[in-house]
Structure formats: C-alpha cells, structure tokens
Amino acid sequence: MKATENIVIDGYDLLAENARLAFPDHVTCGRTLNRGTATVSVDGTAHGEHADVKAEHARQIFPNTIDPHCPVIDLSWPTAGMFVSSSAGTYLDCYQGVAQKLIDERHPAFESAVKALADNHLAFRREINTDDFVHFGDPIEGVHTSQELAAMMNALAAERFGGQAFRTFFSNSGAEAGEAAIKLAQIHAYKGFVKRHGADVLAKLMADLGIEIMPGFEDDTRPPEPLYRDYPFFVLGCEQAFHGRTLGVLNLTASKKAQRLGFGMSRWFRHVPFNGRVEDLTELIDTRPITEILASPGGVHGVIAAGKIPVDLAAMFCLEVYQGEGGYRLADKRWLRAVAAACDEHEILLGVDEVQSFGRTGRLFAVEHYGIAPDVIWVSKGAVVGMTLACAGLAADCHVGWHSNTFGGGKLFDVNMAYTTVDTLVNHADPLFEQRTYLQNSCIKGEYMRMRLADLSACHGDLFPEFSGLGGLWGLTVRYREEIVETGWRMGAKLLGCGRAGELSRLRIILLADVLTREIDQLVEVLDRVFTEVESKHAEL
C-alpha cells in the first residue's frame, strides 16, 4: 500500500520530506545501515532461532516475561531510527523496546552528551543523591546535575498545568516511580488526616480497624508520633491497568492473571472500570466526616466491609490516560474529566501514569489532551530514568526518610541522557522537519499514521476492523493476533501484542518522536503484506 500523492498536514508536505533525507551511515561491527536509504527486506526469520542463546538465557536468568517465541536480537548488527538489521536482512521495530526508545538512539544530541561526559571523565561518576548534595562549582558545558533535570521537568509541567509549581522525585524505573507516587499520596493522606482530626481520632480509627501500635519504637522520636502496624489510606485504580510488577504498584496492576498470581495484596486498594461511569468512583465514597462514621453502628470497619471508602481515607485515584498493557486504549474524555472533577470535589489526589505515553502522543504528557491538571505524574522508559512529578505543596508532608533509593538521580550518565532526551524532544527544531520540534513532528506523523491505517483497515476490514491512538502510540484491533505477530517477524515487522487474547485482540505500534514519513510508509506496506498472507491462509481453511 504505497502513498501515491503528496499529503499536507498543518502546512507540512510529508512526501517532500524524502528529498531532504541525509543521514550518516550507522556502523556496528563493520556492518552499515543508513536510515535515509534502508528498506525492509527480510529473507527468512528476521531474528533467527538461536536455540543456544535462549538456552543460555534460561540457564543464567530467572524467568520473567520472556517466552520461547520471543525474538533474539543480535546486537552486533546496527540499528537506525525505526530500522533494525540482522543476518536475515532489515526490518522495522514496531515496539521500540516497549516504549523505551523515544528518539533515534544515534541522534547527534546523544553523541554530544556522551562526549561531554567522557571528555570530563564523568561518564561513570556515581553519587548517592539521597545522601549527598551534588553540583558543579565550575560549570561544565553540556553536563547537567539531577537538580537541573528536575528544574526542567518541573518547569515543563508548570507550563502545561496552569502554572502549578511541581517537584520531582528520582528513581530508576516506571514501577519505582509509581511506588513513590503511592507513598506520596498515602503520607499526604495521613498527615492531612492528623491535621484535620488530631491524634485522638486517629487512635479511634485504628482501634476500630484493629490496627495496633507497633512495639519497639517507643524511644524513636523522629518523627515523634506513634508508629502503627498499618495505615488505612486507600489508592484507587482502573481495571485492566498496568503500573508495574513490584509489590506496591502490583496492587494497582489488573491487566493479566500471570502478573498477580501468588502475590499478596494490600487491602487498601480498589479498582473501577476504565471508561466506565463516574459513579463507579463516587458511589464507592462515603462522604460523611470520619467522626460521624466512627460514631455510627458498625463504624469505619462496617463501611469498609460494605465495600465503601470513607472520604477521609481516600488518598489517590490513579490511571493511565493511555492504557498500555491493557490494550493501548485511550481514556474517554468525558469520563476522565468527570473523574477529575470528582477527585477535586472530594480532595482526592489524581495520579497519572505516563510511563509508556510520555513524549509520544504529540504532547509531552498524554493527559494534556484532556484539559485536566493531575496532582501527581510519573514517567520513565523514554525519559530514561524514573521521575515522579507532584505538586510542590505535597513536599510539606514528607518527613526526612519518607522514601529513598540508591541510584535515583545519582548516576550522572543516566541523568544526562534523560536531560538530553527531554531537552531534544521539546526544544530541538529539526531542519529535516522544516524547523519543527519532535513533539510537533509526532502530531503531524500521528495524523498521517491515522490516514494510512484507515486505508489499511478499509482493505482488510474483517481482519483489521478498528484502531485508535495519538501521535506515535497506536492500538490495532485484529483477528488471529498470534499469527499476525509471527508472520510480521518473518516479513519484516517486529510486532508485539497488548491486552487480553480473544477473537479480537490488540497489537501495539510505537513510533519514534522523530519518525520519518518513509518509515511509516514502509510499516504500512509490511502490514499490508502480513494481513494479506494471514487472510489467504484462512481463506484456504
């Protein structure tokens, strides 16, 4: 399915872009790949069988999400933009390390950042940013500290969400960033409860729920208040959400059975349908003051046993506005705005997980498309490090030691790769795209992708009846998903499913923020061939 005419979106001629392509060769182990001239051409299985590689992996590494059907990536072959080469030829990476790769990894900005670190012998410098303050008394051009990265992120969030001041907490992954968000919400709820109601009401609440003071800390007076064995502050999430696999965020994850089987959950988490009714949330909340509930028959224990949550104990509502593992599904605008209004009315924090969607929808944060301002946002993957951004006022609730980690903000290489990624994404005006930024490019290419997918669906409506997405994130509804994935690998497209399996299942397509028109065209051509082959196979049955 080749594009046959010039298409102009927001004044940008997409096919004229091809005449401006001038990329250097990317060389690995003497093998060359050029992003401007590469074409999808695969002879055999793009990834190879490599039974020995898979066997060695199994001998040395604990089971995770990998299975015997997963591809083997030979790192001795070069990549360039969306293209990946192998001994079998050149194919397209359609899931970009499950959203880890945001900009072409050979972008000159990254090479400059690495050179600045290496030239100043800082590439391997590690400090523990949770116990030491770090700075450059003599500034080094092209090298940045963690507080400079935080300042940039805080300013970008403030610009997008009404001037609200933000602060950043650093970690190492999306799951860790989500853990920090949960802890921040719960400590905020705890401190707010004590401020509003006092220690005596807290003691009555704990007695009502059978939560005892933990012995052995009587002489520990920092902080001075007593330590209870548990704290009943609820965090709510959405069905089919994925927020990670560590035990804290696993309480919010409700995507697949395998992710939760055998692991103990906290009792202070609840789920509501994604894109359901706002009443799914509001009907869970008992809006009576906690003192009134404590004085009523059954008390707080009775309210919780009946499946409701006292409003004083509701800490945060969390969601992905663009569900990832749940099937690449966008939140409904009317539903999400109603949920945000309900959270605001009941003083429940609104937390947004942007681990996969950060920088990929034509906006820095996908939640910008909805015209609401979250209290907490967390990012990772394409942002290189884990970052939890939250309204600055929440910092007043965080006593020293409320949370910490070893490497968050302390690995100078990661901090600078993150700084360079965000700065390049937002500020670099690329001559290739007529001085547009990569966020602007993602908007334009997202609309082009929508047009090309519509044409593809029109040709293969039974196999590929529906799609949705924004910018560089697309979910495709298909029949025979596993066959399509396997055929894609053979024909030059590295594909990955998402969401639950069924007669109709979802495929994910992830584009780089600096994706080229020609990369989209080749992707659509490959998908056309894949769909045609799968259709032919089933027509013969």
Protein backbone atom coordinates (compact mmCIF):
# COMPACT_ATOMS: atom_id res chain seq x y z
CA MET A 1 0.00 0.00 0.00
CA LYS A 2 2.14 2.83 -1.25
CA ALA A 3 1.29 6.50 -0.74
CA THR A 4 0.53 7.81 -4.21
CA GLU A 5 0.09 11.53 -3.67
CA ASN A 6 1.56 14.37 -1.72
CA ILE A 7 -0.20 14.87 1.59
CA VAL A 8 -0.02 18.15 3.52
CA ILE A 9 -0.85 18.23 7.24
CA ASP A 10 -0.66 21.53 9.15
CA GLY A 11 1.29 23.03 6.25
CA TYR A 12 3.80 20.20 6.15
CA ASP A 13 4.31 18.25 2.91
CA LEU A 14 5.04 14.75 4.17
CA LEU A 15 6.33 13.15 0.99
CA ALA A 16 8.55 16.15 0.17
CA GLU A 17 10.44 15.24 3.35
CA ASN A 18 12.07 12.35 1.49
CA ALA A 19 14.09 14.75 -0.65
CA ARG A 20 15.73 16.24 2.46
CA LEU A 21 16.99 12.97 3.96
CA ALA A 22 20.73 13.00 4.54
CA PHE A 23 21.72 10.61 7.33
CA PRO A 24 25.20 9.31 8.08
CA ASP A 25 25.85 5.59 7.90
CA HIS A 26 25.42 3.74 11.19
CA VAL A 27 28.17 1.16 11.56
CA THR A 28 28.36 -1.76 14.01
CA CYS A 29 30.98 -4.50 13.74
CA GLY A 30 31.76 -3.36 10.22
CA ARG A 31 28.11 -3.58 9.12
CA THR A 32 26.38 -0.47 7.75
CA LEU A 33 22.80 0.79 7.89
CA ASN A 34 21.54 4.18 6.72
CA ARG A 35 18.19 5.46 7.96
CA GLY A 36 17.59 7.53 4.84
CA THR A 37 18.01 4.65 2.39
CA ALA A 38 17.21 1.48 4.37
CA THR A 39 14.33 -0.65 3.16
CA VAL A 40 12.52 -3.57 4.70
CA SER A 41 13.96 -6.69 3.16
CA VAL A 42 13.99 -9.96 5.08
CA ASP A 43 14.94 -13.40 3.84
CA GLY A 44 13.83 -15.94 6.39
CA THR A 45 13.22 -15.31 10.08
CA ALA A 46 14.48 -11.86 10.94
CA HIS A 47 15.51 -12.81 14.44
CA GLY A 48 16.83 -16.29 13.82
CA GLU A 49 16.08 -19.29 16.01
CA HIS A 50 19.23 -19.18 18.17
CA ALA A 51 18.24 -22.09 20.39
CA ASP A 52 21.64 -21.84 22.10
CA VAL A 53 21.04 -18.20 23.05
CA LYS A 54 17.64 -19.00 24.51
CA ALA A 55 19.00 -21.97 26.40
CA GLU A 56 21.84 -19.93 27.92
CA HIS A 57 19.38 -17.22 28.95
CA ALA A 58 17.27 -19.84 30.72
CA ARG A 59 20.34 -21.26 32.49
CA GLN A 60 21.53 -17.90 33.80
CA ILE A 61 18.48 -15.65 34.29
CA PHE A 62 15.31 -16.11 36.34
CA PRO A 63 12.06 -16.38 34.35
CA ASN A 64 10.45 -13.04 33.62
CA THR A 65 8.08 -12.11 30.79
CA ILE A 66 10.16 -13.71 28.05
CA ASP A 67 8.98 -16.95 26.44
CA PRO A 68 10.46 -19.30 23.81
CA HIS A 69 8.67 -17.48 20.99
CA CYS A 70 10.29 -14.11 21.75
CA PRO A 71 12.79 -12.81 19.18
CA VAL A 72 16.55 -12.89 19.58
CA ILE A 73 18.16 -9.52 18.88
CA ASP A 74 21.75 -9.72 17.64
CA LEU A 75 23.42 -6.58 19.00
CA SER A 76 26.32 -6.93 16.57
CA TRP A 77 24.06 -5.57 13.82
CA PRO A 78 23.30 -1.83 13.54
CA THR A 79 20.03 0.00 14.07
CA ALA A 80 18.92 3.30 12.54
CA GLY A 81 15.71 5.05 13.51
CA MET A 82 12.86 2.55 13.18
CA PHE A 83 15.07 0.13 11.22
CA VAL A 84 16.86 -2.87 12.70
CA SER A 85 19.23 -5.07 10.73
CA SER A 86 20.05 -8.73 11.16
CA SER A 87 21.71 -11.59 9.34
CA ALA A 88 18.37 -12.16 7.61
CA GLY A 89 18.02 -8.56 6.41
CA THR A 90 16.41 -5.31 7.57
CA TYR A 91 13.10 -5.00 9.38
CA LEU A 92 11.11 -2.40 11.36
CA ASP A 93 10.98 -2.27 15.15
CA CYS A 94 7.33 -1.53 15.88
CA TYR A 95 7.52 -1.54 19.65
CA GLN A 96 10.78 0.28 20.38
CA GLY A 97 11.83 -1.67 23.45
CA VAL A 98 8.22 -1.37 24.66
CA ALA A 99 8.44 2.44 24.51
CA GLN A 100 11.99 2.78 25.84
CA LYS A 101 13.27 4.37 22.61
CA LEU A 102 11.79 7.82 22.09
CA ILE A 103 14.25 9.44 19.66
CA ASP A 104 16.66 7.81 17.20
CA GLU A 105 19.37 6.47 19.51
CA ARG A 106 22.06 7.75 17.13
CA HIS A 107 20.82 11.34 17.33
CA PRO A 108 23.75 13.82 17.40
CA ALA A 109 22.49 15.28 20.69
CA PHE A 110 23.12 11.96 22.45
CA GLU A 111 26.58 11.65 20.97
CA SER A 112 27.41 15.19 22.15
CA ALA A 113 26.17 14.43 25.65
CA VAL A 114 28.22 11.24 25.88
CA LYS A 115 31.28 13.06 24.56
CA ALA A 116 30.94 15.82 27.17
CA LEU A 117 30.73 13.22 29.93
CA ALA A 118 33.64 11.17 28.58
CA ASP A 119 35.89 14.18 27.90
CA ASN A 120 35.48 15.26 31.51
CA HIS A 121 35.81 11.72 32.94
CA LEU A 122 32.26 11.85 34.30
CA ALA A 123 30.60 9.08 32.31
CA PHE A 124 30.99 6.58 35.16
CA ARG A 125 30.59 9.03 38.05
CA ARG A 126 28.02 7.82 40.56
CA GLU A 127 26.93 9.65 43.67
CA ILE A 128 24.15 8.85 46.12
CA ASN A 129 21.86 11.79 45.52
CA THR A 130 19.73 10.84 48.53
CA ASP A 131 22.58 11.46 51.00
CA ASP A 132 24.78 14.00 49.20
CA PHE A 133 24.04 17.28 47.50
CA VAL A 134 25.77 17.47 44.12
CA HIS A 135 26.70 20.47 41.98
CA PHE A 136 29.40 21.80 39.66
CA GLY A 137 31.31 24.65 41.30
CA ASP A 138 32.87 25.14 37.87
CA PRO A 139 30.07 24.53 35.34
CA ILE A 140 30.90 22.11 32.54
CA GLU A 141 29.26 22.82 29.21
CA GLY A 142 26.93 20.01 28.16
CA VAL A 143 26.86 18.26 31.56
CA HIS A 144 23.92 18.60 33.95
CA THR A 145 23.08 17.74 37.54
CA SER A 146 19.95 15.99 38.77
CA GLN A 147 18.51 19.27 40.05
CA GLU A 148 18.88 20.78 36.58
CA LEU A 149 16.94 17.86 35.13
CA ALA A 150 14.31 18.27 37.85
CA ALA A 151 14.11 22.03 37.24
CA MET A 152 13.50 21.45 33.53
CA MET A 153 10.81 18.84 34.17
CA ASN A 154 9.14 20.95 36.86
CA ALA A 155 9.05 23.98 34.56
CA LEU A 156 7.65 21.96 31.66
CA ALA A 157 4.89 20.55 33.89
CA ALA A 158 4.09 24.01 35.28
CA GLU A 159 3.75 25.42 31.76
CA ARG A 160 1.28 22.70 30.85
CA PHE A 161 -0.81 22.61 34.01
CA GLY A 162 -1.78 26.15 34.83
CA GLY A 163 1.42 27.40 36.42
CA GLN A 164 1.19 24.98 39.35
CA ALA A 165 4.61 24.51 40.97
CA PHE A 166 5.99 20.96 40.81
CA ARG A 167 8.80 19.00 42.40
CA THR A 168 10.45 15.80 41.19
CA PHE A 169 11.45 12.56 42.90
CA PHE A 170 14.02 10.42 41.06
CA SER A 171 14.05 6.65 40.79
CA ASN A 172 15.21 4.04 38.30
CA SER A 173 12.11 2.66 36.58
CA GLY A 174 8.44 3.21 35.95
CA ALA A 175 7.42 0.81 38.73
CA GLU A 176 9.66 2.64 41.22
CA ALA A 177 8.25 5.99 40.09
CA GLY A 178 4.77 4.60 40.69
CA GLU A 179 5.80 3.33 44.13
CA ALA A 180 6.94 6.84 45.02
CA ALA A 181 3.58 8.22 43.85
CA ILE A 182 1.65 5.78 46.05
CA LYS A 183 3.79 6.53 49.10
CA LEU A 184 3.50 10.27 48.50
CA ALA A 185 -0.29 10.03 48.30
CA GLN A 186 -0.55 7.91 51.43
CA ILE A 187 1.75 10.09 53.53
CA HIS A 188 -0.19 13.14 52.34
CA ALA A 189 -3.46 11.48 53.33
CA TYR A 190 -2.05 10.50 56.73
CA LYS A 191 -0.66 13.96 57.52
CA GLY A 192 -3.87 15.60 56.33
CA PHE A 193 -5.97 13.30 58.49
CA VAL A 194 -3.98 14.10 61.62
CA LYS A 195 -4.05 17.84 60.85
CA ARG A 196 -7.83 17.84 60.40
CA HIS A 197 -8.86 15.42 63.13
CA GLY A 198 -5.99 15.03 65.56
CA ALA A 199 -4.16 12.09 67.11
CA ASP A 200 -7.11 11.04 69.28
CA VAL A 201 -9.42 10.49 66.28
CA LEU A 202 -6.60 8.63 64.50
CA ALA A 203 -6.29 6.37 67.56
CA LYS A 204 -10.06 5.69 67.49
CA LEU A 205 -9.87 4.89 63.78
CA MET A 206 -7.03 2.43 64.34
CA ALA A 207 -8.85 0.79 67.24
CA ASP A 208 -11.98 0.48 65.11
CA LEU A 209 -9.98 -1.35 62.42
CA GLY A 210 -7.96 -3.44 64.87
CA ILE A 211 -4.65 -1.81 63.91
CA GLU A 212 -2.20 -1.79 66.82
CA ILE A 213 0.81 0.36 67.61
CA MET A 214 3.99 -1.41 66.59
CA PRO A 215 6.18 -2.16 69.62
CA GLY A 216 9.91 -1.46 69.77
CA PHE A 217 9.83 2.15 68.59
CA GLU A 218 8.97 3.87 71.85
CA ASP A 219 12.39 5.55 72.06
CA ASP A 220 12.42 6.58 68.39
CA THR A 221 11.16 10.17 68.41
CA ARG A 222 11.93 11.16 64.84
CA PRO A 223 9.13 11.59 63.80
CA PRO A 224 7.53 11.96 67.26
CA GLU A 225 4.10 10.35 66.63
CA PRO A 226 3.47 6.66 67.35
CA LEU A 227 4.05 4.05 64.63
CA TYR A 228 1.06 1.88 63.75
CA ARG A 229 1.34 -1.54 62.12
CA ASP A 230 -0.73 -0.37 59.15
CA TYR A 231 -2.28 2.80 57.71
CA PRO A 232 -5.73 2.59 56.08
CA PHE A 233 -5.36 5.11 53.26
CA PHE A 234 -6.87 3.88 50.01
CA VAL A 235 -5.50 4.17 46.49
CA LEU A 236 -7.87 3.53 43.59
CA GLY A 237 -7.02 2.36 40.10
CA CYS A 238 -8.62 1.07 36.91
CA GLU A 239 -9.43 -2.38 35.66
CA GLN A 240 -7.01 -3.70 33.01
CA ALA A 241 -4.40 -1.17 34.18
CA PHE A 242 -0.71 -1.93 34.25
CA HIS A 243 1.54 0.04 36.59
CA GLY A 244 4.36 -2.43 37.13
CA ARG A 245 5.18 -5.66 38.92
CA THR A 246 6.82 -4.60 42.18
CA LEU A 247 4.54 -5.35 45.10
CA GLY A 248 3.39 -1.78 45.73
CA VAL A 249 2.25 -0.92 42.20
CA LEU A 250 1.14 -4.51 41.68
CA ASN A 251 -1.83 -3.57 43.86
CA LEU A 252 -2.90 -1.25 41.03
CA THR A 253 -1.99 -3.60 38.17
CA ALA A 254 -5.02 -5.53 36.89
CA SER A 255 -4.03 -6.38 33.34
CA LYS A 256 -3.21 -10.10 33.22
CA LYS A 257 -3.64 -13.04 35.59
CA ALA A 258 0.05 -14.01 35.39
CA GLN A 259 1.13 -10.68 36.84
CA ARG A 260 -0.67 -11.20 40.19
CA LEU A 261 -0.88 -14.97 40.65
CA GLY A 262 0.63 -15.97 44.02
CA PHE A 263 1.45 -12.48 45.35
CA GLY A 264 -0.08 -10.96 48.47
CA MET A 265 -2.01 -7.72 48.05
CA SER A 266 -2.67 -4.81 50.38
CA ARG A 267 -6.28 -4.36 51.46
CA TRP A 268 -6.22 -0.59 50.81
CA PHE A 269 -6.54 -0.70 47.02
CA ARG A 270 -9.66 -0.71 44.85
CA HIS A 271 -10.37 -0.83 41.09
CA VAL A 272 -13.10 0.72 38.97
CA PRO A 273 -13.85 0.14 35.26
CA PHE A 274 -11.73 2.11 32.80
CA ASN A 275 -14.02 4.32 30.69
CA GLY A 276 -16.97 3.31 32.84
CA ARG A 277 -19.21 5.70 34.79
CA VAL A 278 -18.02 8.41 37.12
CA GLU A 279 -20.47 6.84 39.59
CA ASP A 280 -18.19 3.78 39.72
CA LEU A 281 -15.90 6.08 41.70
CA THR A 282 -18.32 8.37 43.52
CA GLU A 283 -20.54 5.53 44.74
CA LEU A 284 -17.52 3.97 46.44
CA ILE A 285 -17.01 7.07 48.57
CA ASP A 286 -18.78 7.60 51.88
CA THR A 287 -18.73 11.39 52.19
CA ARG A 288 -19.63 11.57 55.88
CA PRO A 289 -16.98 13.00 58.23
CA ILE A 290 -14.84 10.30 59.81
CA THR A 291 -16.06 11.23 63.29
CA GLU A 292 -19.66 10.64 62.23
CA ILE A 293 -18.76 7.28 60.70
CA LEU A 294 -16.86 6.23 63.83
CA ALA A 295 -19.90 7.06 65.96
CA SER A 296 -22.33 5.16 63.73
CA PRO A 297 -23.25 1.46 64.07
CA GLY A 298 -20.52 -0.68 62.54
CA GLY A 299 -18.08 2.23 62.46
CA VAL A 300 -15.40 2.53 59.81
CA HIS A 301 -14.93 -1.24 59.79
CA GLY A 302 -18.55 -1.66 58.73
CA VAL A 303 -18.27 0.90 55.93
CA ILE A 304 -15.18 -0.83 54.51
CA ALA A 305 -16.75 -4.27 54.90
CA ALA A 306 -19.70 -2.99 52.86
CA GLY A 307 -17.29 -2.13 50.03
CA LYS A 308 -17.13 1.62 50.54
CA ILE A 309 -14.32 4.03 51.43
CA PRO A 310 -14.61 6.89 53.93
CA VAL A 311 -13.65 10.03 52.05
CA ASP A 312 -11.09 10.94 54.73
CA LEU A 313 -9.23 7.72 53.88
CA ALA A 314 -9.22 8.12 50.07
CA ALA A 315 -5.65 9.10 49.12
CA MET A 316 -5.38 8.96 45.32
CA PHE A 317 -7.07 7.84 42.12
CA CYS A 318 -4.52 6.51 39.60
CA LEU A 319 -4.82 5.76 35.92
CA GLU A 320 -3.06 5.61 32.60
CA VAL A 321 -4.85 8.02 30.28
CA TYR A 322 -3.45 5.75 27.56
CA GLN A 323 -3.61 2.20 28.88
CA GLY A 324 -0.55 0.26 27.74
CA GLU A 325 -0.59 -3.43 28.63
CA GLY A 326 -4.36 -3.15 28.98
CA GLY A 327 -4.69 -2.88 25.20
CA TYR A 328 -3.47 0.56 24.10
CA ARG A 329 -6.79 2.14 24.96
CA LEU A 330 -7.38 5.87 25.32
CA ALA A 331 -9.39 7.25 28.20
CA ASP A 332 -12.74 8.69 27.21
CA LYS A 333 -12.54 12.47 27.54
CA ARG A 334 -15.95 12.95 29.18
CA TRP A 335 -15.34 10.13 31.68
CA LEU A 336 -11.88 11.31 32.66
CA ARG A 337 -12.96 14.92 33.10
CA ALA A 338 -15.81 13.78 35.33
CA VAL A 339 -13.41 11.61 37.36
CA ALA A 340 -11.01 14.55 37.73
CA ALA A 341 -13.86 16.79 38.90
CA ALA A 342 -14.95 14.18 41.45
CA CYS A 343 -11.41 13.86 42.77
CA ASP A 344 -11.18 17.63 43.09
CA GLU A 345 -14.55 17.82 44.88
CA HIS A 346 -13.55 15.15 47.42
CA GLU A 347 -9.91 16.31 47.74
CA ILE A 348 -8.57 13.02 46.39
CA LEU A 349 -5.25 13.29 44.57
CA LEU A 350 -5.34 12.49 40.85
CA GLY A 351 -2.29 10.48 39.75
CA VAL A 352 -1.40 9.78 36.12
CA ASP A 353 1.00 7.06 34.97
CA GLU A 354 2.77 8.29 31.81
CA VAL A 355 5.49 5.64 31.75
CA GLN A 356 4.67 4.49 28.21
CA SER A 357 2.94 7.61 26.90
CA PHE A 358 5.49 10.28 27.90
CA GLY A 359 6.51 12.30 24.83
CA ARG A 360 4.72 10.02 22.37
CA THR A 361 1.26 11.48 21.71
CA GLY A 362 2.23 14.85 20.24
CA ARG A 363 2.25 16.35 23.73
CA LEU A 364 4.84 15.95 26.44
CA PHE A 365 2.19 14.34 28.66
CA ALA A 366 -0.77 12.47 27.18
CA VAL A 367 -3.03 13.90 29.88
CA GLU A 368 -2.62 17.33 28.25
CA HIS A 369 -5.10 16.21 25.58
CA TYR A 370 -7.81 16.09 28.26
CA GLY A 371 -7.58 19.62 29.66
CA ILE A 372 -7.14 18.50 33.26
CA ALA A 373 -4.31 19.05 35.72
CA PRO A 374 -3.15 15.98 37.69
CA ASP A 375 -1.59 16.28 41.14
CA VAL A 376 0.99 13.55 40.52
CA ILE A 377 2.53 12.26 37.26
CA TRP A 378 5.16 9.60 36.84
CA VAL A 379 7.33 8.84 33.82
CA SER A 380 10.16 6.53 32.81
CA LYS A 381 11.00 4.37 29.74
CA GLY A 382 11.55 7.06 27.06
CA ALA A 383 12.50 9.52 29.80
CA VAL A 384 15.47 7.21 30.64
CA VAL A 385 15.09 7.47 34.44
CA GLY A 386 12.08 7.19 36.70
CA MET A 387 10.64 10.57 37.70
CA THR A 388 7.64 11.28 39.91
CA LEU A 389 6.42 14.85 39.47
CA ALA A 390 3.98 16.17 42.04
CA CYS A 391 2.50 19.46 43.17
CA ALA A 392 5.18 21.17 45.23
CA GLY A 393 2.86 21.66 48.20
CA LEU A 394 2.90 17.91 48.86
CA ALA A 395 6.56 18.18 49.88
CA ALA A 396 5.46 19.68 53.21
CA ASP A 397 4.05 16.25 54.17
CA CYS A 398 7.30 14.39 53.51
CA HIS A 399 9.40 13.91 56.63
CA VAL A 400 13.09 13.09 56.16
CA GLY A 401 13.33 9.41 55.26
CA TRP A 402 9.78 9.04 53.93
CA HIS A 403 11.28 7.47 50.79
CA SER A 404 14.68 6.92 49.21
CA ASN A 405 16.64 4.72 46.84
CA THR A 406 20.26 4.08 46.00
CA PHE A 407 20.70 5.30 42.44
CA GLY A 408 17.83 7.75 41.87
CA GLY A 409 19.35 10.93 40.45
CA GLY A 410 22.87 9.81 41.29
CA LYS A 411 24.06 8.13 38.10
CA LEU A 412 25.39 11.04 36.11
CA PHE A 413 25.26 9.17 32.79
CA ASP A 414 21.55 8.37 33.16
CA VAL A 415 20.71 11.87 34.39
CA ASN A 416 22.39 13.41 31.37
CA MET A 417 20.79 11.01 28.92
CA ALA A 418 17.43 11.91 30.45
CA TYR A 419 18.18 15.64 30.29
CA THR A 420 19.28 15.37 26.67
CA THR A 421 16.23 13.31 25.69
CA VAL A 422 13.72 15.75 27.17
CA ASP A 423 15.56 18.87 26.02
CA THR A 424 15.91 17.50 22.47
CA LEU A 425 12.29 16.33 22.38
CA VAL A 426 10.90 19.70 23.41
CA ASN A 427 13.37 22.26 22.07
CA HIS A 428 15.26 20.90 19.08
CA ALA A 429 13.92 22.45 15.85
CA ASP A 430 14.98 19.96 13.19
CA PRO A 431 15.73 21.28 9.68
CA LEU A 432 14.60 17.92 8.31
CA PHE A 433 11.11 18.73 9.57
CA GLU A 434 11.26 22.39 8.47
CA GLN A 435 12.34 23.55 11.95
CA ARG A 436 9.52 21.77 13.76
CA THR A 437 10.14 20.13 17.13
CA TYR A 438 9.79 16.40 17.63
CA LEU A 439 6.54 16.88 19.55
CA GLN A 440 5.19 18.78 16.53
CA ASN A 441 6.52 16.07 14.23
CA SER A 442 4.75 13.45 16.31
CA CYS A 443 1.45 15.32 15.93
CA ILE A 444 1.83 15.52 12.15
CA LYS A 445 3.03 11.96 11.70
CA GLY A 446 0.29 10.75 14.03
CA GLU A 447 -2.33 12.21 11.70
CA TYR A 448 -0.54 10.64 8.74
CA MET A 449 -0.48 7.30 10.55
CA ARG A 450 -4.22 7.64 11.16
CA MET A 451 -4.82 8.16 7.42
CA ARG A 452 -2.64 5.22 6.40
CA LEU A 453 -4.21 2.90 8.99
CA ALA A 454 -7.69 3.92 7.81
CA ASP A 455 -6.72 2.88 4.28
CA LEU A 456 -5.28 -0.37 5.60
CA SER A 457 -8.43 -1.13 7.61
CA ALA A 458 -10.58 -0.40 4.55
CA CYS A 459 -8.64 -3.06 2.61
CA HIS A 460 -8.59 -5.64 5.43
CA GLY A 461 -11.74 -4.81 7.37
CA ASP A 462 -12.54 -8.29 8.64
CA LEU A 463 -9.00 -9.00 9.84
CA PHE A 464 -8.27 -5.43 10.99
CA PRO A 465 -11.59 -3.75 11.82
CA GLU A 466 -10.54 -0.95 14.16
CA PHE A 467 -7.67 1.12 15.53
CA SER A 468 -7.10 4.06 17.87
CA GLY A 469 -4.23 6.18 19.01
CA LEU A 470 -2.46 9.51 19.14
CA GLY A 471 0.90 10.66 17.80
CA GLY A 472 3.26 7.71 17.97
CA LEU A 473 1.10 5.28 20.02
CA TRP A 474 -1.39 3.10 18.15
CA GLY A 475 -3.50 0.13 19.13
CA LEU A 476 -4.74 -2.11 16.29
CA THR A 477 -7.67 -4.47 16.80
CA VAL A 478 -7.04 -7.66 14.81
CA ARG A 479 -8.11 -11.26 14.41
CA TYR A 480 -5.54 -14.06 14.62
CA ARG A 481 -3.13 -11.86 16.56
CA GLU A 482 -0.51 -14.52 17.25
CA GLU A 483 -0.38 -15.46 13.58
CA ILE A 484 -0.02 -11.81 12.62
CA VAL A 485 2.86 -11.34 15.06
CA GLU A 486 4.66 -14.45 13.80
CA THR A 487 4.08 -13.52 10.16
CA GLY A 488 5.24 -9.98 10.84
CA TRP A 489 8.56 -11.21 12.17
CA ARG A 490 9.05 -13.29 9.01
CA MET A 491 8.09 -10.43 6.69
CA GLY A 492 9.98 -7.57 8.32
CA ALA A 493 7.95 -6.08 11.18
CA LYS A 494 8.83 -6.70 14.82
CA LEU A 495 5.35 -6.75 16.40
CA LEU A 496 4.03 -7.16 19.93
CA GLY A 497 0.53 -7.65 21.27
CA CYS A 498 -1.09 -5.99 24.26
CA GLY A 499 -4.26 -6.55 26.23
CA ARG A 500 -6.06 -9.83 26.66
CA ALA A 501 -6.26 -12.51 23.99
CA GLY A 502 -9.55 -13.25 22.27
CA GLU A 503 -11.21 -13.46 18.90
CA LEU A 504 -10.35 -9.77 18.57
CA SER A 505 -7.10 -8.71 20.25
CA ARG A 506 -4.87 -5.67 20.20
CA LEU A 507 -1.48 -5.04 18.61
CA ARG A 508 0.66 -2.11 19.67
CA ILE A 509 2.54 0.11 17.24
CA ILE A 510 5.05 2.55 18.72
CA LEU A 511 6.71 5.21 16.58
CA LEU A 512 9.72 7.32 17.43
CA ALA A 513 9.03 11.00 18.08
CA ASP A 514 11.34 11.78 15.14
CA VAL A 515 9.73 9.15 12.90
CA LEU A 516 10.12 9.65 9.15
CA THR A 517 7.37 9.59 6.56
CA ARG A 518 9.19 6.81 4.74
CA GLU A 519 9.30 4.68 7.88
CA ILE A 520 5.52 4.94 8.26
CA ASP A 521 5.03 4.12 4.58
CA GLN A 522 7.21 1.03 4.82
CA LEU A 523 5.47 -0.05 8.01
CA VAL A 524 2.05 0.15 6.34
CA GLU A 525 3.35 -1.74 3.30
CA VAL A 526 4.67 -4.54 5.53
CA LEU A 527 1.41 -4.73 7.49
CA ASP A 528 -0.49 -4.91 4.20
CA ARG A 529 1.59 -7.92 3.13
CA VAL A 530 1.24 -9.54 6.56
CA PHE A 531 -2.54 -9.12 6.62
CA THR A 532 -2.83 -10.40 3.05
CA GLU A 533 -0.90 -13.57 3.88
CA VAL A 534 -2.90 -14.29 7.03
CA GLU A 535 -6.17 -13.66 5.18
CA SER A 536 -5.10 -16.01 2.38
CA LYS A 537 -4.23 -18.73 4.85
CA HIS A 538 -7.64 -18.58 6.50
CA ALA A 539 -9.46 -18.35 3.18
CA GLU A 540 -8.00 -21.75 2.32
CA LEU A 541 -9.21 -23.39 5.53
